[in-house]
Amino acid sequence: MKIYKIKYLAIAVFSLFVMSCNNDDKDDDMIKITTDFSGTFVQKDQMGRPAVNTVFVSAASKDTFNTTIPSEQGAVFQSMFETNIKALSPAYANAGDKNALGLDAAAFTGLLATDVLNVSLDGKTTFFDGTNVLTGRALADDVITVELILIFGGEEGLSNSENPTLSDDNVSANDKNFLTSFPYLASPW
């Protein structure tokens, strides 16, 4: 048993030695990459709202969903989304059950099946800020928790009281502060 620990330690030390970085990079040593936008591009994945495609599109239909234009997605996929949400969420177990937006399973999955990120052109852009819902997305918005509440939380407003263990990802903030100017994203670790 001890010999394996020594082998693993030796591999780890060797890996650190071989893969260590330094700061002696020079611009003239860098490879210049140019982007070629000629040719035909094909949509491979679609994620207007994070997790929607992942959760509600059956595995056999992923490629079809990803290549269907959004204006046609609702007609093609809404019934699949409704079947999946009713099987997944106890918040839609009874006829007439509604989510925090006041939408029943059919209306909510009709909204979700058209997988686009709506953006308010004349109001606040946010996934949810206490008042505005699905009017866009700010970097600091807790998108997954809002989606979990809409799926599992019931109709008591955007709270997770109906199914608290299913309605929160328990990640309440980014691990680093966002920048105050463009590109706004936090620097890498």
N, C-alpha and C. Protein backbone atom coordinates (compact mmCIF):
# COMPACT_ATOMS: atom_id res chain seq x y z
N MET A 1 0.82 -1.19 0.00
CA MET A 1 0.00 0.00 0.00
C MET A 1 0.86 1.25 0.00
N LYS A 2 1.95 1.24 0.79
CA LYS A 2 2.79 2.42 0.89
C LYS A 2 3.52 2.70 -0.42
N ILE A 3 3.85 1.67 -1.17
CA ILE A 3 4.55 1.87 -2.44
C ILE A 3 3.69 2.65 -3.42
N TYR A 4 2.36 2.43 -3.39
CA TYR A 4 1.46 3.17 -4.26
C TYR A 4 1.45 4.65 -3.90
N LYS A 5 1.47 4.96 -2.60
CA LYS A 5 1.49 6.35 -2.16
C LYS A 5 2.77 7.03 -2.65
N ILE A 6 3.88 6.34 -2.58
CA ILE A 6 5.16 6.90 -3.03
C ILE A 6 5.11 7.13 -4.55
N LYS A 7 4.55 6.18 -5.28
CA LYS A 7 4.44 6.34 -6.74
C LYS A 7 3.57 7.54 -7.08
N TYR A 8 2.43 7.68 -6.41
CA TYR A 8 1.55 8.80 -6.68
C TYR A 8 2.22 10.12 -6.34
N LEU A 9 2.94 10.17 -5.24
CA LEU A 9 3.65 11.38 -4.85
C LEU A 9 4.72 11.72 -5.89
N ALA A 10 5.44 10.71 -6.36
CA ALA A 10 6.48 10.94 -7.37
C ALA A 10 5.87 11.46 -8.67
N ILE A 11 4.74 10.91 -9.06
CA ILE A 11 4.06 11.37 -10.28
C ILE A 11 3.60 12.81 -10.11
N ALA A 12 3.05 13.14 -8.95
CA ALA A 12 2.57 14.50 -8.69
C ALA A 12 3.72 15.50 -8.72
N VAL A 13 4.82 15.18 -8.08
CA VAL A 13 5.98 16.08 -8.07
C VAL A 13 6.54 16.24 -9.47
N PHE A 14 6.67 15.15 -10.20
CA PHE A 14 7.18 15.22 -11.57
C PHE A 14 6.26 16.06 -12.44
N SER A 15 4.94 15.89 -12.28
CA SER A 15 3.98 16.66 -13.06
C SER A 15 4.11 18.15 -12.77
N LEU A 16 4.27 18.52 -11.52
CA LEU A 16 4.45 19.92 -11.18
C LEU A 16 5.72 20.48 -11.81
N PHE A 17 6.79 19.71 -11.80
CA PHE A 17 8.06 20.14 -12.37
C PHE A 17 7.93 20.33 -13.88
N VAL A 18 7.33 19.39 -14.55
CA VAL A 18 7.23 19.43 -16.00
C VAL A 18 6.24 20.50 -16.46
N MET A 19 5.18 20.69 -15.72
CA MET A 19 4.12 21.59 -16.17
C MET A 19 4.20 22.98 -15.55
N SER A 20 5.28 23.32 -14.90
CA SER A 20 5.39 24.64 -14.28
C SER A 20 5.44 25.71 -15.35
N CYS A 21 4.94 26.88 -15.02
CA CYS A 21 4.89 28.00 -15.96
C CYS A 21 5.88 29.07 -15.55
N ASN A 22 6.21 29.93 -16.47
CA ASN A 22 7.05 31.07 -16.13
C ASN A 22 6.49 32.30 -16.82
N ASN A 23 7.04 33.45 -16.51
CA ASN A 23 6.55 34.71 -17.04
C ASN A 23 7.45 35.29 -18.11
N ASP A 24 8.23 34.48 -18.79
CA ASP A 24 9.14 35.02 -19.79
C ASP A 24 8.56 35.00 -21.20
N ASP A 25 7.22 34.95 -21.32
CA ASP A 25 6.60 34.98 -22.63
C ASP A 25 6.79 36.36 -23.25
N LYS A 26 7.10 36.39 -24.52
CA LYS A 26 7.26 37.64 -25.25
C LYS A 26 6.22 37.65 -26.36
N ASP A 27 5.77 38.85 -26.73
CA ASP A 27 4.77 38.96 -27.79
C ASP A 27 5.24 38.33 -29.08
N ASP A 28 6.53 38.44 -29.42
CA ASP A 28 7.01 37.88 -30.67
C ASP A 28 7.08 36.36 -30.62
N ASP A 29 7.00 35.77 -29.43
CA ASP A 29 6.96 34.32 -29.30
C ASP A 29 5.54 33.77 -29.40
N MET A 30 4.58 34.68 -29.33
CA MET A 30 3.18 34.27 -29.33
C MET A 30 2.73 33.93 -30.75
N ILE A 31 1.86 32.96 -30.88
CA ILE A 31 1.29 32.58 -32.16
C ILE A 31 0.08 33.47 -32.41
N LYS A 32 0.06 34.12 -33.54
CA LYS A 32 -1.07 34.99 -33.89
C LYS A 32 -2.16 34.13 -34.52
N ILE A 33 -3.36 34.25 -34.02
CA ILE A 33 -4.49 33.48 -34.52
C ILE A 33 -5.46 34.44 -35.19
N THR A 34 -5.85 34.11 -36.38
CA THR A 34 -6.85 34.91 -37.08
C THR A 34 -8.12 34.08 -37.19
N THR A 35 -9.24 34.76 -37.21
CA THR A 35 -10.53 34.09 -37.30
C THR A 35 -11.05 34.19 -38.73
N ASP A 36 -11.46 33.07 -39.26
CA ASP A 36 -12.00 33.00 -40.61
C ASP A 36 -13.51 32.81 -40.52
N PHE A 37 -14.26 33.83 -40.91
CA PHE A 37 -15.71 33.76 -40.84
C PHE A 37 -16.35 33.36 -42.16
N SER A 38 -15.54 32.92 -43.11
CA SER A 38 -16.11 32.49 -44.39
C SER A 38 -16.66 31.08 -44.24
N GLY A 39 -17.51 30.69 -45.12
CA GLY A 39 -18.06 29.34 -45.08
C GLY A 39 -19.46 29.32 -44.53
N THR A 40 -19.97 28.13 -44.29
CA THR A 40 -21.32 27.93 -43.78
C THR A 40 -21.24 27.47 -42.34
N PHE A 41 -21.99 28.13 -41.49
CA PHE A 41 -22.00 27.78 -40.08
C PHE A 41 -23.29 27.04 -39.75
N VAL A 42 -23.21 26.10 -38.83
CA VAL A 42 -24.34 25.28 -38.45
C VAL A 42 -24.51 25.34 -36.95
N GLN A 43 -25.73 25.56 -36.50
CA GLN A 43 -26.00 25.60 -35.07
C GLN A 43 -25.83 24.21 -34.47
N LYS A 44 -25.07 24.10 -33.40
CA LYS A 44 -24.83 22.81 -32.75
C LYS A 44 -25.48 22.72 -31.38
N ASP A 45 -25.65 23.84 -30.71
CA ASP A 45 -26.21 23.80 -29.37
C ASP A 45 -27.01 25.08 -29.15
N GLN A 46 -28.00 24.99 -28.28
CA GLN A 46 -28.86 26.12 -28.01
C GLN A 46 -29.13 26.18 -26.52
N MET A 47 -28.84 27.29 -25.91
CA MET A 47 -29.05 27.45 -24.47
C MET A 47 -29.46 28.88 -24.15
N GLY A 48 -30.62 29.31 -24.65
CA GLY A 48 -31.10 30.65 -24.33
C GLY A 48 -31.29 30.80 -22.83
N ARG A 49 -31.90 29.82 -22.23
CA ARG A 49 -32.06 29.80 -20.77
C ARG A 49 -31.29 28.59 -20.25
N PRO A 50 -30.30 28.83 -19.42
CA PRO A 50 -29.50 27.71 -18.92
C PRO A 50 -30.34 26.63 -18.27
N ALA A 51 -29.98 25.41 -18.48
CA ALA A 51 -30.59 24.22 -17.88
C ALA A 51 -31.89 23.79 -18.54
N VAL A 52 -32.57 24.65 -19.29
CA VAL A 52 -33.84 24.27 -19.91
C VAL A 52 -33.63 23.12 -20.89
N ASN A 53 -32.72 23.29 -21.82
CA ASN A 53 -32.41 22.25 -22.79
C ASN A 53 -31.95 20.99 -22.07
N THR A 54 -31.09 21.16 -21.10
CA THR A 54 -30.52 20.03 -20.36
C THR A 54 -31.60 19.20 -19.66
N VAL A 55 -32.56 19.86 -19.05
CA VAL A 55 -33.55 19.17 -18.23
C VAL A 55 -34.76 18.67 -19.02
N PHE A 56 -35.26 19.47 -19.94
CA PHE A 56 -36.55 19.15 -20.54
C PHE A 56 -36.51 18.49 -21.91
N VAL A 57 -35.38 18.50 -22.57
CA VAL A 57 -35.30 17.86 -23.88
C VAL A 57 -34.78 16.44 -23.68
N SER A 58 -35.55 15.47 -24.12
CA SER A 58 -35.14 14.08 -24.00
C SER A 58 -33.86 13.85 -24.81
N ALA A 59 -33.05 12.91 -24.35
CA ALA A 59 -31.73 12.66 -24.95
C ALA A 59 -31.83 12.40 -26.46
N ALA A 60 -32.81 11.66 -26.88
CA ALA A 60 -32.94 11.32 -28.30
C ALA A 60 -33.32 12.53 -29.16
N SER A 61 -33.79 13.60 -28.52
CA SER A 61 -34.24 14.78 -29.27
C SER A 61 -33.29 15.97 -29.18
N LYS A 62 -32.17 15.83 -28.49
CA LYS A 62 -31.24 16.96 -28.28
C LYS A 62 -30.80 17.59 -29.59
N ASP A 63 -30.34 16.80 -30.55
CA ASP A 63 -29.85 17.36 -31.81
C ASP A 63 -30.96 18.08 -32.57
N THR A 64 -32.15 17.51 -32.58
CA THR A 64 -33.26 18.14 -33.26
C THR A 64 -33.61 19.47 -32.59
N PHE A 65 -33.69 19.48 -31.27
CA PHE A 65 -33.99 20.72 -30.54
C PHE A 65 -32.94 21.79 -30.83
N ASN A 66 -31.68 21.40 -30.76
CA ASN A 66 -30.60 22.37 -30.95
C ASN A 66 -30.56 22.98 -32.34
N THR A 67 -31.11 22.32 -33.32
CA THR A 67 -31.08 22.85 -34.68
C THR A 67 -32.43 23.38 -35.15
N THR A 68 -33.43 23.34 -34.29
CA THR A 68 -34.75 23.89 -34.63
C THR A 68 -34.74 25.38 -34.32
N ILE A 69 -35.21 26.18 -35.27
CA ILE A 69 -35.22 27.62 -35.01
C ILE A 69 -36.22 27.93 -33.90
N PRO A 70 -35.90 28.89 -33.03
CA PRO A 70 -36.75 29.16 -31.87
C PRO A 70 -38.22 29.39 -32.17
N SER A 71 -38.54 30.04 -33.27
CA SER A 71 -39.95 30.30 -33.57
C SER A 71 -40.74 29.02 -33.82
N GLU A 72 -40.07 27.91 -34.06
CA GLU A 72 -40.75 26.63 -34.30
C GLU A 72 -40.63 25.67 -33.12
N GLN A 73 -39.83 26.00 -32.12
CA GLN A 73 -39.60 25.09 -31.00
C GLN A 73 -40.85 24.82 -30.17
N GLY A 74 -41.62 25.84 -29.89
CA GLY A 74 -42.81 25.67 -29.06
C GLY A 74 -43.76 24.62 -29.62
N ALA A 75 -44.06 24.72 -30.90
CA ALA A 75 -44.99 23.78 -31.53
C ALA A 75 -44.45 22.36 -31.53
N VAL A 76 -43.15 22.22 -31.67
CA VAL A 76 -42.55 20.89 -31.78
C VAL A 76 -42.28 20.27 -30.40
N PHE A 77 -41.88 21.07 -29.42
CA PHE A 77 -41.37 20.51 -28.16
C PHE A 77 -42.21 20.78 -26.92
N GLN A 78 -43.23 21.62 -26.99
CA GLN A 78 -43.98 21.96 -25.78
C GLN A 78 -44.57 20.74 -25.10
N SER A 79 -45.14 19.81 -25.84
CA SER A 79 -45.76 18.64 -25.21
C SER A 79 -44.71 17.78 -24.51
N MET A 80 -43.51 17.66 -25.09
CA MET A 80 -42.44 16.91 -24.43
C MET A 80 -42.03 17.61 -23.13
N PHE A 81 -41.91 18.94 -23.18
CA PHE A 81 -41.56 19.69 -21.98
C PHE A 81 -42.63 19.51 -20.89
N GLU A 82 -43.91 19.56 -21.29
CA GLU A 82 -44.99 19.42 -20.31
C GLU A 82 -44.97 18.03 -19.68
N THR A 83 -44.80 17.00 -20.49
CA THR A 83 -44.70 15.64 -19.96
C THR A 83 -43.55 15.53 -18.97
N ASN A 84 -42.40 16.09 -19.33
CA ASN A 84 -41.22 16.00 -18.46
C ASN A 84 -41.36 16.81 -17.18
N ILE A 85 -41.97 18.00 -17.26
CA ILE A 85 -42.11 18.80 -16.04
C ILE A 85 -43.11 18.17 -15.07
N LYS A 86 -44.17 17.58 -15.60
CA LYS A 86 -45.15 16.92 -14.73
C LYS A 86 -44.55 15.68 -14.07
N ALA A 87 -43.68 14.99 -14.77
CA ALA A 87 -43.02 13.81 -14.18
C ALA A 87 -41.95 14.22 -13.18
N LEU A 88 -41.36 15.37 -13.39
CA LEU A 88 -40.24 15.82 -12.58
C LEU A 88 -40.65 16.58 -11.33
N SER A 89 -41.68 17.40 -11.42
CA SER A 89 -41.99 18.34 -10.35
C SER A 89 -43.31 18.06 -9.65
N PRO A 90 -43.28 17.92 -8.33
CA PRO A 90 -44.52 17.77 -7.57
C PRO A 90 -45.34 19.06 -7.56
N ALA A 91 -44.75 20.18 -7.96
CA ALA A 91 -45.49 21.45 -7.98
C ALA A 91 -46.58 21.45 -9.05
N TYR A 92 -46.55 20.51 -9.99
CA TYR A 92 -47.56 20.43 -11.04
C TYR A 92 -48.35 19.12 -10.94
N ALA A 93 -48.43 18.54 -9.74
CA ALA A 93 -49.06 17.24 -9.55
C ALA A 93 -50.58 17.30 -9.70
N ASN A 94 -51.17 18.42 -9.39
CA ASN A 94 -52.63 18.53 -9.43
C ASN A 94 -53.07 19.44 -10.56
N ALA A 95 -54.22 19.14 -11.14
CA ALA A 95 -54.78 20.00 -12.19
C ALA A 95 -54.95 21.41 -11.62
N GLY A 96 -54.54 22.40 -12.38
CA GLY A 96 -54.67 23.79 -11.93
C GLY A 96 -53.48 24.31 -11.14
N ASP A 97 -52.52 23.44 -10.81
CA ASP A 97 -51.32 23.92 -10.12
C ASP A 97 -50.59 24.93 -10.99
N LYS A 98 -50.08 25.98 -10.36
CA LYS A 98 -49.37 27.03 -11.09
C LYS A 98 -48.04 27.30 -10.41
N ASN A 99 -47.12 27.87 -11.18
CA ASN A 99 -45.82 28.21 -10.61
C ASN A 99 -45.82 29.65 -10.10
N ALA A 100 -44.65 30.12 -9.73
CA ALA A 100 -44.52 31.45 -9.15
C ALA A 100 -44.89 32.57 -10.12
N LEU A 101 -44.90 32.29 -11.41
CA LEU A 101 -45.33 33.28 -12.40
C LEU A 101 -46.83 33.22 -12.65
N GLY A 102 -47.51 32.28 -11.97
CA GLY A 102 -48.95 32.10 -12.18
C GLY A 102 -49.26 31.29 -13.42
N LEU A 103 -48.29 30.52 -13.91
CA LEU A 103 -48.47 29.72 -15.12
C LEU A 103 -48.66 28.26 -14.77
N ASP A 104 -49.65 27.62 -15.41
CA ASP A 104 -49.79 26.18 -15.22
C ASP A 104 -48.74 25.47 -16.07
N ALA A 105 -48.71 24.15 -16.00
CA ALA A 105 -47.66 23.38 -16.69
C ALA A 105 -47.67 23.63 -18.19
N ALA A 106 -48.83 23.68 -18.81
CA ALA A 106 -48.91 23.88 -20.27
C ALA A 106 -48.39 25.27 -20.67
N ALA A 107 -48.82 26.30 -19.95
CA ALA A 107 -48.39 27.66 -20.28
C ALA A 107 -46.89 27.85 -20.01
N PHE A 108 -46.42 27.32 -18.89
CA PHE A 108 -45.01 27.48 -18.54
C PHE A 108 -44.11 26.74 -19.52
N THR A 109 -44.47 25.52 -19.87
CA THR A 109 -43.63 24.77 -20.81
C THR A 109 -43.73 25.35 -22.22
N GLY A 110 -44.84 26.00 -22.55
CA GLY A 110 -44.92 26.71 -23.82
C GLY A 110 -43.91 27.85 -23.86
N LEU A 111 -43.76 28.54 -22.74
CA LEU A 111 -42.76 29.61 -22.62
C LEU A 111 -41.35 29.04 -22.70
N LEU A 112 -41.10 27.95 -21.98
CA LEU A 112 -39.75 27.35 -21.95
C LEU A 112 -39.35 26.70 -23.26
N ALA A 113 -40.30 26.11 -23.97
CA ALA A 113 -39.97 25.37 -25.18
C ALA A 113 -39.41 26.27 -26.28
N THR A 114 -39.73 27.54 -26.24
CA THR A 114 -39.09 28.50 -27.14
C THR A 114 -37.88 29.02 -26.38
N ASP A 115 -36.74 28.37 -26.61
CA ASP A 115 -35.55 28.59 -25.79
C ASP A 115 -34.77 29.82 -26.23
N VAL A 116 -35.32 30.97 -25.88
CA VAL A 116 -34.64 32.24 -26.16
C VAL A 116 -34.55 33.03 -24.86
N LEU A 117 -33.58 33.88 -24.80
CA LEU A 117 -33.45 34.76 -23.65
C LEU A 117 -34.11 36.09 -24.01
N ASN A 118 -35.25 36.36 -23.39
CA ASN A 118 -35.94 37.62 -23.63
C ASN A 118 -35.13 38.76 -23.05
N VAL A 119 -35.19 39.91 -23.68
CA VAL A 119 -34.49 41.09 -23.20
C VAL A 119 -35.45 42.27 -23.24
N SER A 120 -35.61 42.92 -22.12
CA SER A 120 -36.46 44.09 -22.06
C SER A 120 -35.70 45.27 -22.66
N LEU A 121 -36.29 45.91 -23.65
CA LEU A 121 -35.65 47.05 -24.29
C LEU A 121 -35.97 48.36 -23.58
N ASP A 122 -36.99 48.35 -22.73
CA ASP A 122 -37.36 49.60 -22.07
C ASP A 122 -37.49 49.45 -20.55
N GLY A 123 -36.95 48.39 -20.00
CA GLY A 123 -37.00 48.20 -18.55
C GLY A 123 -35.72 47.56 -18.05
N LYS A 124 -35.76 47.09 -16.86
CA LYS A 124 -34.58 46.47 -16.27
C LYS A 124 -34.32 45.11 -16.90
N THR A 125 -33.05 44.84 -17.17
CA THR A 125 -32.65 43.56 -17.72
C THR A 125 -32.23 42.66 -16.56
N THR A 126 -33.03 41.64 -16.29
CA THR A 126 -32.74 40.74 -15.18
C THR A 126 -33.47 39.41 -15.38
N PHE A 127 -32.95 38.36 -14.80
CA PHE A 127 -33.64 37.08 -14.80
C PHE A 127 -34.72 37.12 -13.73
N PHE A 128 -34.39 37.71 -12.59
CA PHE A 128 -35.35 37.98 -11.52
C PHE A 128 -34.69 38.90 -10.51
N ASP A 129 -35.36 39.99 -10.17
CA ASP A 129 -34.80 40.93 -9.20
C ASP A 129 -35.77 41.21 -8.05
N GLY A 130 -36.78 40.39 -7.90
CA GLY A 130 -37.79 40.61 -6.88
C GLY A 130 -39.09 41.11 -7.48
N THR A 131 -39.00 41.78 -8.61
CA THR A 131 -40.17 42.29 -9.31
C THR A 131 -40.19 41.83 -10.76
N ASN A 132 -39.13 42.10 -11.47
CA ASN A 132 -39.03 41.75 -12.89
C ASN A 132 -38.58 40.30 -13.04
N VAL A 133 -39.23 39.57 -13.94
CA VAL A 133 -38.91 38.17 -14.16
C VAL A 133 -38.72 37.93 -15.65
N LEU A 134 -37.62 37.27 -16.00
CA LEU A 134 -37.32 36.87 -17.38
C LEU A 134 -37.32 38.04 -18.36
N THR A 135 -36.74 39.17 -17.93
CA THR A 135 -36.62 40.34 -18.82
C THR A 135 -35.19 40.45 -19.36
N GLY A 136 -34.42 39.42 -19.21
CA GLY A 136 -33.03 39.40 -19.65
C GLY A 136 -32.20 38.66 -18.62
N ARG A 137 -30.93 39.01 -18.56
CA ARG A 137 -30.07 38.35 -17.60
C ARG A 137 -28.88 39.23 -17.28
N ALA A 138 -28.71 39.54 -16.02
CA ALA A 138 -27.52 40.25 -15.55
C ALA A 138 -26.51 39.20 -15.08
N LEU A 139 -25.24 39.53 -15.11
CA LEU A 139 -24.22 38.55 -14.72
C LEU A 139 -24.43 38.00 -13.32
N ALA A 140 -24.86 38.84 -12.40
CA ALA A 140 -25.00 38.40 -11.01
C ALA A 140 -26.33 37.70 -10.72
N ASP A 141 -27.22 37.59 -11.70
CA ASP A 141 -28.50 36.93 -11.47
C ASP A 141 -28.29 35.46 -11.12
N ASP A 142 -29.03 34.99 -10.14
CA ASP A 142 -28.96 33.59 -9.72
C ASP A 142 -29.92 32.78 -10.58
N VAL A 143 -29.53 32.58 -11.83
CA VAL A 143 -30.40 31.99 -12.85
C VAL A 143 -30.88 30.58 -12.48
N ILE A 144 -30.00 29.73 -12.04
CA ILE A 144 -30.39 28.34 -11.76
C ILE A 144 -31.38 28.29 -10.60
N THR A 145 -31.16 29.05 -9.54
CA THR A 145 -32.12 29.05 -8.43
C THR A 145 -33.48 29.57 -8.89
N VAL A 146 -33.51 30.61 -9.71
CA VAL A 146 -34.80 31.11 -10.21
C VAL A 146 -35.49 30.03 -11.02
N GLU A 147 -34.75 29.35 -11.89
CA GLU A 147 -35.36 28.27 -12.68
C GLU A 147 -35.86 27.15 -11.79
N LEU A 148 -35.10 26.79 -10.76
CA LEU A 148 -35.54 25.74 -9.85
C LEU A 148 -36.81 26.14 -9.11
N ILE A 149 -36.91 27.40 -8.71
CA ILE A 149 -38.12 27.87 -8.04
C ILE A 149 -39.31 27.82 -9.00
N LEU A 150 -39.11 28.23 -10.24
CA LEU A 150 -40.21 28.20 -11.22
C LEU A 150 -40.66 26.77 -11.51
N ILE A 151 -39.73 25.83 -11.44
CA ILE A 151 -40.07 24.43 -11.70
C ILE A 151 -40.63 23.75 -10.46
N PHE A 152 -40.03 23.97 -9.30
CA PHE A 152 -40.38 23.21 -8.09
C PHE A 152 -41.06 24.03 -6.99
N GLY A 153 -41.03 25.36 -7.07
CA GLY A 153 -41.41 26.19 -5.93
C GLY A 153 -42.86 26.44 -5.71
N GLY A 154 -43.71 26.15 -6.65
CA GLY A 154 -45.13 26.40 -6.43
C GLY A 154 -45.48 27.85 -6.69
N GLU A 155 -46.69 28.24 -6.27
CA GLU A 155 -47.20 29.55 -6.65
C GLU A 155 -47.19 30.59 -5.54
N GLU A 156 -46.30 30.48 -4.59
CA GLU A 156 -46.24 31.44 -3.49
C GLU A 156 -45.27 32.57 -3.77
N GLY A 157 -45.17 33.01 -5.00
CA GLY A 157 -44.16 34.01 -5.36
C GLY A 157 -42.84 33.31 -5.55
N LEU A 158 -41.83 34.03 -5.87
CA LEU A 158 -40.54 33.40 -6.12
C LEU A 158 -39.83 33.09 -4.81
N SER A 159 -40.42 32.16 -4.08
CA SER A 159 -39.78 31.64 -2.86
C SER A 159 -39.67 30.14 -3.06
N ASN A 160 -38.84 29.52 -2.26
CA ASN A 160 -38.66 28.07 -2.41
C ASN A 160 -39.36 27.31 -1.30
N SER A 161 -40.47 27.86 -0.77
CA SER A 161 -41.11 27.26 0.40
C SER A 161 -41.83 25.95 0.11
N GLU A 162 -42.31 25.73 -1.11
CA GLU A 162 -43.06 24.51 -1.39
C GLU A 162 -42.15 23.28 -1.42
N ASN A 163 -41.03 23.38 -2.07
CA ASN A 163 -40.08 22.28 -2.16
C ASN A 163 -38.66 22.81 -1.94
N PRO A 164 -38.34 23.22 -0.72
CA PRO A 164 -37.08 23.92 -0.47
C PRO A 164 -35.83 23.14 -0.86
N THR A 165 -35.84 21.83 -0.72
CA THR A 165 -34.63 21.08 -1.07
C THR A 165 -34.43 20.98 -2.57
N LEU A 166 -35.48 21.20 -3.36
CA LEU A 166 -35.38 21.13 -4.81
C LEU A 166 -35.30 22.51 -5.46
N SER A 167 -35.50 23.57 -4.68
CA SER A 167 -35.68 24.90 -5.26
C SER A 167 -34.51 25.85 -5.05
N ASP A 168 -33.35 25.34 -4.72
CA ASP A 168 -32.20 26.22 -4.53
C ASP A 168 -30.93 25.44 -4.82
N ASP A 169 -30.06 26.03 -5.63
CA ASP A 169 -28.78 25.38 -5.90
C ASP A 169 -27.75 25.69 -4.82
N ASN A 170 -28.12 26.56 -3.87
CA ASN A 170 -27.27 26.95 -2.74
C ASN A 170 -25.96 27.59 -3.17
N VAL A 171 -25.96 28.22 -4.33
CA VAL A 171 -24.83 29.04 -4.78
C VAL A 171 -25.39 30.44 -4.91
N SER A 172 -25.09 31.30 -3.94
CA SER A 172 -25.74 32.60 -3.89
C SER A 172 -24.94 33.74 -4.52
N ALA A 173 -23.70 33.49 -4.91
CA ALA A 173 -22.89 34.56 -5.50
C ALA A 173 -21.76 33.96 -6.31
N ASN A 174 -21.20 34.77 -7.19
CA ASN A 174 -20.03 34.36 -7.94
C ASN A 174 -18.85 34.25 -6.98
N ASP A 175 -17.86 33.44 -7.30
CA ASP A 175 -16.73 33.27 -6.41
C ASP A 175 -15.79 34.48 -6.44
N LYS A 176 -15.90 35.34 -7.44
CA LYS A 176 -15.11 36.55 -7.54
C LYS A 176 -16.02 37.69 -7.96
N ASN A 177 -15.65 38.91 -7.58
CA ASN A 177 -16.45 40.07 -7.97
C ASN A 177 -16.34 40.32 -9.47
N PHE A 178 -17.46 40.74 -10.07
CA PHE A 178 -17.45 41.11 -11.47
C PHE A 178 -16.77 42.47 -11.61
N LEU A 179 -16.24 42.74 -12.78
CA LEU A 179 -15.61 44.03 -13.05
C LEU A 179 -16.68 45.10 -13.23
N THR A 180 -16.33 46.34 -13.01
CA THR A 180 -17.29 47.43 -13.14
C THR A 180 -17.29 48.02 -14.55
N SER A 181 -16.41 47.54 -15.42
CA SER A 181 -16.38 48.01 -16.80
C SER A 181 -16.22 46.81 -17.73
N PHE A 182 -16.45 47.04 -19.03
CA PHE A 182 -16.38 45.96 -20.01
C PHE A 182 -15.02 45.29 -19.93
N PRO A 183 -14.96 43.97 -19.95
CA PRO A 183 -15.96 42.97 -20.30
C PRO A 183 -16.78 42.47 -19.11
N TYR A 184 -16.66 43.07 -17.95
CA TYR A 184 -17.47 42.82 -16.75
C TYR A 184 -17.22 41.45 -16.09
N LEU A 185 -16.81 40.47 -16.82
CA LEU A 185 -16.57 39.15 -16.23
C LEU A 185 -15.41 39.19 -15.26
N ALA A 186 -15.49 38.38 -14.23
CA ALA A 186 -14.40 38.31 -13.25
C ALA A 186 -13.17 37.71 -13.91
N SER A 187 -12.03 38.10 -13.41
CA SER A 187 -10.80 37.53 -13.95
C SER A 187 -10.72 36.06 -13.57
N PRO A 188 -9.99 35.26 -14.36
CA PRO A 188 -9.89 33.83 -14.03
C PRO A 188 -9.21 33.64 -12.68
N TRP A 189 -9.35 32.47 -12.15
CA TRP A 189 -8.77 32.15 -10.85
C TRP A 189 -7.32 32.41 -10.94
